[in-house]
Amino acid sequence: MKTLITAAALALTAFSASAMVDTSAIEKYVPNADVAALSDAEVNSILNVIHSSDSEGEKRSLIWSLLN
């Protein structure tokens, strides 16, 4: 019984940790962005832009266009 409870707790912890996304990188480019209102797909698209090889200006421009 203890093993089952421990396994369930670990599974829930892993699920909640994977659902959390670090959005601090978005705030570097758009300091006042309301990232709480974004869907997971929108956040992932913005993070893809941030991790691309584009210039900083291009990244900032693309992120602004995705947020508006």
PDB file of N, CA and C in Angstrom:
ATOM      1  N   MET A   1       0.826  -1.194   0.000  1.00  0.00           N
ATOM      2  CA  MET A   1       0.000   0.000   0.000  1.00  0.00           C
ATOM      3  C   MET A   1       0.870   1.259   0.000  1.00  0.00           C
ATOM      4  N   LYS A   2       1.929   1.265   0.803  1.00  0.00           N
ATOM      5  CA  LYS A   2       2.809   2.421   0.862  1.00  0.00           C
ATOM      6  C   LYS A   2       3.505   2.634  -0.479  1.00  0.00           C
ATOM      7  N   THR A   3       3.833   1.537  -1.139  1.00  0.00           N
ATOM      8  CA  THR A   3       4.491   1.634  -2.442  1.00  0.00           C
ATOM      9  C   THR A   3       3.562   2.271  -3.461  1.00  0.00           C
ATOM     10  N   LEU A   4       2.293   1.908  -3.433  1.00  0.00           N
ATOM     11  CA  LEU A   4       1.310   2.473  -4.354  1.00  0.00           C
ATOM     12  C   LEU A   4       1.146   3.973  -4.116  1.00  0.00           C
ATOM     13  N   ILE A   5       1.071   4.378  -2.881  1.00  0.00           N
ATOM     14  CA  ILE A   5       0.917   5.795  -2.556  1.00  0.00           C
ATOM     15  C   ILE A   5       2.165   6.571  -2.986  1.00  0.00           C
ATOM     16  N   THR A   6       3.330   6.017  -2.731  1.00  0.00           N
ATOM     17  CA  THR A   6       4.578   6.666  -3.127  1.00  0.00           C
ATOM     18  C   THR A   6       4.668   6.802  -4.637  1.00  0.00           C
ATOM     19  N   ALA A   7       4.304   5.742  -5.361  1.00  0.00           N
ATOM     20  CA  ALA A   7       4.346   5.782  -6.821  1.00  0.00           C
ATOM     21  C   ALA A   7       3.369   6.820  -7.368  1.00  0.00           C
ATOM     22  N   ALA A   8       2.195   6.898  -6.788  1.00  0.00           N
ATOM     23  CA  ALA A   8       1.205   7.886  -7.230  1.00  0.00           C
ATOM     24  C   ALA A   8       1.701   9.308  -6.965  1.00  0.00           C
ATOM     25  N   ALA A   9       2.314   9.523  -5.816  1.00  0.00           N
ATOM     26  CA  ALA A   9       2.837  10.854  -5.492  1.00  0.00           C
ATOM     27  C   ALA A   9       3.954  11.247  -6.446  1.00  0.00           C
ATOM     28  N   LEU A  10       4.830  10.316  -6.769  1.00  0.00           N
ATOM     29  CA  LEU A  10       5.907  10.596  -7.714  1.00  0.00           C
ATOM     30  C   LEU A  10       5.370  10.899  -9.106  1.00  0.00           C
ATOM     31  N   ALA A  11       4.360  10.171  -9.532  1.00  0.00           N
ATOM     32  CA  ALA A  11       3.768  10.404 -10.849  1.00  0.00           C
ATOM     33  C   ALA A  11       3.131  11.782 -10.917  1.00  0.00           C
ATOM     34  N   LEU A  12       2.438  12.188  -9.875  1.00  0.00           N
ATOM     35  CA  LEU A  12       1.811  13.507  -9.855  1.00  0.00           C
ATOM     36  C   LEU A  12       2.852  14.612  -9.833  1.00  0.00           C
ATOM     37  N   THR A  13       3.921  14.411  -9.114  1.00  0.00           N
ATOM     38  CA  THR A  13       4.995  15.400  -9.061  1.00  0.00           C
ATOM     39  C   THR A  13       5.642  15.558 -10.428  1.00  0.00           C
ATOM     40  N   ALA A  14       5.907  14.455 -11.086  1.00  0.00           N
ATOM     41  CA  ALA A  14       6.515  14.502 -12.419  1.00  0.00           C
ATOM     42  C   ALA A  14       5.588  15.179 -13.410  1.00  0.00           C
ATOM     43  N   PHE A  15       4.297  14.925 -13.314  1.00  0.00           N
ATOM     44  CA  PHE A  15       3.335  15.550 -14.225  1.00  0.00           C
ATOM     45  C   PHE A  15       3.285  17.051 -14.017  1.00  0.00           C
ATOM     46  N   SER A  16       3.230  17.494 -12.777  1.00  0.00           N
ATOM     47  CA  SER A  16       3.139  18.933 -12.520  1.00  0.00           C
ATOM     48  C   SER A  16       4.432  19.646 -12.893  1.00  0.00           C
ATOM     49  N   ALA A  17       5.565  18.996 -12.745  1.00  0.00           N
ATOM     50  CA  ALA A  17       6.836  19.612 -13.119  1.00  0.00           C
ATOM     51  C   ALA A  17       6.945  19.753 -14.626  1.00  0.00           C
ATOM     52  N   SER A  18       6.432  18.789 -15.377  1.00  0.00           N
ATOM     53  CA  SER A  18       6.506  18.885 -16.831  1.00  0.00           C
ATOM     54  C   SER A  18       5.522  19.910 -17.374  1.00  0.00           C
ATOM     55  N   ALA A  19       4.465  20.194 -16.629  1.00  0.00           N
ATOM     56  CA  ALA A  19       3.478  21.175 -17.077  1.00  0.00           C
ATOM     57  C   ALA A  19       3.971  22.600 -16.879  1.00  0.00           C
ATOM     58  N   MET A  20       4.956  22.785 -16.021  1.00  0.00           N
ATOM     59  CA  MET A  20       5.490  24.117 -15.763  1.00  0.00           C
ATOM     60  C   MET A  20       6.539  24.451 -16.822  1.00  0.00           C
ATOM     61  N   VAL A  21       6.443  25.627 -17.377  1.00  0.00           N
ATOM     62  CA  VAL A  21       7.385  26.071 -18.402  1.00  0.00           C
ATOM     63  C   VAL A  21       8.073  27.330 -17.898  1.00  0.00           C
ATOM     64  N   ASP A  22       9.370  27.411 -18.091  1.00  0.00           N
ATOM     65  CA  ASP A  22      10.120  28.583 -17.670  1.00  0.00           C
ATOM     66  C   ASP A  22       9.893  29.698 -18.689  1.00  0.00           C
ATOM     67  N   THR A  23       9.171  30.721 -18.275  1.00  0.00           N
ATOM     68  CA  THR A  23       8.847  31.830 -19.177  1.00  0.00           C
ATOM     69  C   THR A  23       9.723  33.053 -18.920  1.00  0.00           C
ATOM     70  N   SER A  24      10.748  32.921 -18.110  1.00  0.00           N
ATOM     71  CA  SER A  24      11.608  34.071 -17.824  1.00  0.00           C
ATOM     72  C   SER A  24      12.339  34.557 -19.074  1.00  0.00           C
ATOM     73  N   ALA A  25      12.603  33.662 -20.011  1.00  0.00           N
ATOM     74  CA  ALA A  25      13.260  34.064 -21.261  1.00  0.00           C
ATOM     75  C   ALA A  25      12.359  34.986 -22.076  1.00  0.00           C
ATOM     76  N   ILE A  26      11.055  34.758 -22.019  1.00  0.00           N
ATOM     77  CA  ILE A  26      10.112  35.618 -22.747  1.00  0.00           C
ATOM     78  C   ILE A  26      10.148  37.018 -22.149  1.00  0.00           C
ATOM     79  N   GLU A  27      10.205  37.101 -20.839  1.00  0.00           N
ATOM     80  CA  GLU A  27      10.218  38.395 -20.172  1.00  0.00           C
ATOM     81  C   GLU A  27      11.500  39.168 -20.455  1.00  0.00           C
ATOM     82  N   LYS A  28      12.559  38.483 -20.866  1.00  0.00           N
ATOM     83  CA  LYS A  28      13.796  39.170 -21.255  1.00  0.00           C
ATOM     84  C   LYS A  28      13.566  39.997 -22.516  1.00  0.00           C
ATOM     85  N   TYR A  29      12.775  39.487 -23.434  1.00  0.00           N
ATOM     86  CA  TYR A  29      12.512  40.175 -24.700  1.00  0.00           C
ATOM     87  C   TYR A  29      11.319  41.111 -24.611  1.00  0.00           C
ATOM     88  N   VAL A  30      10.305  40.738 -23.845  1.00  0.00           N
ATOM     89  CA  VAL A  30       9.105  41.560 -23.676  1.00  0.00           C
ATOM     90  C   VAL A  30       8.807  41.620 -22.180  1.00  0.00           C
ATOM     91  N   PRO A  31       9.372  42.610 -21.488  1.00  0.00           N
ATOM     92  CA  PRO A  31       9.299  42.639 -20.020  1.00  0.00           C
ATOM     93  C   PRO A  31       7.896  42.621 -19.421  1.00  0.00           C
ATOM     94  N   ASN A  32       6.932  43.233 -20.053  1.00  0.00           N
ATOM     95  CA  ASN A  32       5.586  43.312 -19.476  1.00  0.00           C
ATOM     96  C   ASN A  32       4.601  42.353 -20.139  1.00  0.00           C
ATOM     97  N   ALA A  33       5.099  41.299 -20.727  1.00  0.00           N
ATOM     98  CA  ALA A  33       4.218  40.352 -21.412  1.00  0.00           C
ATOM     99  C   ALA A  33       3.383  39.576 -20.398  1.00  0.00           C
ATOM    100  N   ASP A  34       2.113  39.383 -20.731  1.00  0.00           N
ATOM    101  CA  ASP A  34       1.220  38.591 -19.877  1.00  0.00           C
ATOM    102  C   ASP A  34       1.276  37.141 -20.356  1.00  0.00           C
ATOM    103  N   VAL A  35       2.267  36.400 -19.880  1.00  0.00           N
ATOM    104  CA  VAL A  35       2.452  35.029 -20.350  1.00  0.00           C
ATOM    105  C   VAL A  35       1.432  34.073 -19.753  1.00  0.00           C
ATOM    106  N   ALA A  36       0.749  34.475 -18.696  1.00  0.00           N
ATOM    107  CA  ALA A  36      -0.256  33.614 -18.081  1.00  0.00           C
ATOM    108  C   ALA A  36      -1.455  33.415 -19.009  1.00  0.00           C
ATOM    109  N   ALA A  37      -1.697  34.371 -19.890  1.00  0.00           N
ATOM    110  CA  ALA A  37      -2.843  34.285 -20.791  1.00  0.00           C
ATOM    111  C   ALA A  37      -2.541  33.483 -22.052  1.00  0.00           C
ATOM    112  N   LEU A  38      -1.288  33.076 -22.234  1.00  0.00           N
ATOM    113  CA  LEU A  38      -0.898  32.353 -23.443  1.00  0.00           C
ATOM    114  C   LEU A  38      -1.169  30.858 -23.306  1.00  0.00           C
ATOM    115  N   SER A  39      -1.490  30.233 -24.420  1.00  0.00           N
ATOM    116  CA  SER A  39      -1.653  28.780 -24.422  1.00  0.00           C
ATOM    117  C   SER A  39      -0.275  28.125 -24.452  1.00  0.00           C
ATOM    118  N   ASP A  40      -0.230  26.827 -24.205  1.00  0.00           N
ATOM    119  CA  ASP A  40       1.042  26.102 -24.249  1.00  0.00           C
ATOM    120  C   ASP A  40       1.663  26.174 -25.633  1.00  0.00           C
ATOM    121  N   ALA A  41       0.844  26.092 -26.661  1.00  0.00           N
ATOM    122  CA  ALA A  41       1.348  26.154 -28.039  1.00  0.00           C
ATOM    123  C   ALA A  41       1.973  27.517 -28.328  1.00  0.00           C
ATOM    124  N   GLU A  42       1.339  28.587 -27.842  1.00  0.00           N
ATOM    125  CA  GLU A  42       1.885  29.926 -28.047  1.00  0.00           C
ATOM    126  C   GLU A  42       3.216  30.107 -27.315  1.00  0.00           C
ATOM    127  N   VAL A  43       3.287  29.615 -26.093  1.00  0.00           N
ATOM    128  CA  VAL A  43       4.528  29.707 -25.330  1.00  0.00           C
ATOM    129  C   VAL A  43       5.629  28.921 -26.034  1.00  0.00           C
ATOM    130  N   ASN A  44       5.314  27.726 -26.516  1.00  0.00           N
ATOM    131  CA  ASN A  44       6.309  26.915 -27.212  1.00  0.00           C
ATOM    132  C   ASN A  44       6.781  27.582 -28.492  1.00  0.00           C
ATOM    133  N   SER A  45       5.881  28.234 -29.213  1.00  0.00           N
ATOM    134  CA  SER A  45       6.269  28.954 -30.426  1.00  0.00           C
ATOM    135  C   SER A  45       7.231  30.089 -30.102  1.00  0.00           C
ATOM    136  N   ILE A  46       6.939  30.824 -29.044  1.00  0.00           N
ATOM    137  CA  ILE A  46       7.807  31.931 -28.643  1.00  0.00           C
ATOM    138  C   ILE A  46       9.166  31.403 -28.184  1.00  0.00           C
ATOM    139  N   LEU A  47       9.172  30.313 -27.434  1.00  0.00           N
ATOM    140  CA  LEU A  47      10.440  29.735 -26.986  1.00  0.00           C
ATOM    141  C   LEU A  47      11.260  29.217 -28.162  1.00  0.00           C
ATOM    142  N   ASN A  48      10.599  28.718 -29.199  1.00  0.00           N
ATOM    143  CA  ASN A  48      11.319  28.297 -30.409  1.00  0.00           C
ATOM    144  C   ASN A  48      12.001  29.492 -31.068  1.00  0.00           C
ATOM    145  N   VAL A  49      11.316  30.624 -31.086  1.00  0.00           N
ATOM    146  CA  VAL A  49      11.912  31.845 -31.648  1.00  0.00           C
ATOM    147  C   VAL A  49      13.118  32.255 -30.817  1.00  0.00           C
ATOM    148  N   ILE A  50      12.989  32.210 -29.500  1.00  0.00           N
ATOM    149  CA  ILE A  50      14.073  32.624 -28.613  1.00  0.00           C
ATOM    150  C   ILE A  50      15.314  31.758 -28.815  1.00  0.00           C
ATOM    151  N   HIS A  51      15.116  30.476 -29.026  1.00  0.00           N
ATOM    152  CA  HIS A  51      16.245  29.558 -29.165  1.00  0.00           C
ATOM    153  C   HIS A  51      16.725  29.417 -30.611  1.00  0.00           C
ATOM    154  N   SER A  52      16.183  30.218 -31.495  1.00  0.00           N
ATOM    155  CA  SER A  52      16.613  30.167 -32.897  1.00  0.00           C
ATOM    156  C   SER A  52      17.923  30.928 -33.070  1.00  0.00           C
ATOM    157  N   SER A  53      18.448  30.885 -34.276  1.00  0.00           N
ATOM    158  CA  SER A  53      19.727  31.562 -34.547  1.00  0.00           C
ATOM    159  C   SER A  53      19.519  32.963 -35.121  1.00  0.00           C
ATOM    160  N   ASP A  54      18.306  33.483 -35.033  1.00  0.00           N
ATOM    161  CA  ASP A  54      18.031  34.833 -35.519  1.00  0.00           C
ATOM    162  C   ASP A  54      18.727  35.866 -34.645  1.00  0.00           C
ATOM    163  N   SER A  55      18.844  37.073 -35.162  1.00  0.00           N
ATOM    164  CA  SER A  55      19.441  38.154 -34.370  1.00  0.00           C
ATOM    165  C   SER A  55      18.479  38.554 -33.246  1.00  0.00           C
ATOM    166  N   GLU A  56      19.016  39.280 -32.270  1.00  0.00           N
ATOM    167  CA  GLU A  56      18.197  39.707 -31.131  1.00  0.00           C
ATOM    168  C   GLU A  56      17.037  40.588 -31.575  1.00  0.00           C
ATOM    169  N   GLY A  57      17.275  41.464 -32.533  1.00  0.00           N
ATOM    170  CA  GLY A  57      16.210  42.331 -33.046  1.00  0.00           C
ATOM    171  C   GLY A  57      15.117  41.544 -33.748  1.00  0.00           C
ATOM    172  N   GLU A  58      15.510  40.552 -34.528  1.00  0.00           N
ATOM    173  CA  GLU A  58      14.521  39.719 -35.212  1.00  0.00           C
ATOM    174  C   GLU A  58      13.700  38.916 -34.203  1.00  0.00           C
ATOM    175  N   LYS A  59      14.379  38.402 -33.178  1.00  0.00           N
ATOM    176  CA  LYS A  59      13.665  37.649 -32.142  1.00  0.00           C
ATOM    177  C   LYS A  59      12.638  38.537 -31.461  1.00  0.00           C
ATOM    178  N   ARG A  60      13.060  39.737 -31.071  1.00  0.00           N
ATOM    179  CA  ARG A  60      12.157  40.661 -30.378  1.00  0.00           C
ATOM    180  C   ARG A  60      10.951  41.006 -31.260  1.00  0.00           C
ATOM    181  N   SER A  61      11.213  41.237 -32.539  1.00  0.00           N
ATOM    182  CA  SER A  61      10.138  41.568 -33.480  1.00  0.00           C
ATOM    183  C   SER A  61       9.165  40.406 -33.647  1.00  0.00           C
ATOM    184  N   LEU A  62       9.685  39.200 -33.793  1.00  0.00           N
ATOM    185  CA  LEU A  62       8.822  38.026 -33.940  1.00  0.00           C
ATOM    186  C   LEU A  62       8.004  37.768 -32.680  1.00  0.00           C
ATOM    187  N   ILE A  63       8.617  37.944 -31.529  1.00  0.00           N
ATOM    188  CA  ILE A  63       7.890  37.716 -30.267  1.00  0.00           C
ATOM    189  C   ILE A  63       6.780  38.734 -30.110  1.00  0.00           C
ATOM    190  N   TRP A  64       7.061  40.004 -30.433  1.00  0.00           N
ATOM    191  CA  TRP A  64       6.019  41.034 -30.376  1.00  0.00           C
ATOM    192  C   TRP A  64       4.866  40.683 -31.302  1.00  0.00           C
ATOM    193  N   SER A  65       5.178  40.208 -32.511  1.00  0.00           N
ATOM    194  CA  SER A  65       4.100  39.878 -33.451  1.00  0.00           C
ATOM    195  C   SER A  65       3.299  38.673 -32.988  1.00  0.00           C
ATOM    196  N   LEU A  66       3.937  37.728 -32.319  1.00  0.00           N
ATOM    197  CA  LEU A  66       3.204  36.577 -31.801  1.00  0.00           C
ATOM    198  C   LEU A  66       2.335  36.945 -30.594  1.00  0.00           C
ATOM    199  N   LEU A  67       2.752  37.941 -29.843  1.00  0.00           N
ATOM    200  CA  LEU A  67       1.974  38.342 -28.667  1.00  0.00           C
ATOM    201  C   LEU A  67       0.794  39.252 -29.030  1.00  0.00           C
ATOM    202  N   ASN A  68       0.859  39.901 -30.171  1.00  0.00           N
ATOM    203  CA  ASN A  68      -0.230  40.822 -30.552  1.00  0.00           C
ATOM    204  C   ASN A  68      -1.146  40.220 -31.553  1.00  0.00           C
TER     205      ASN A  68
END
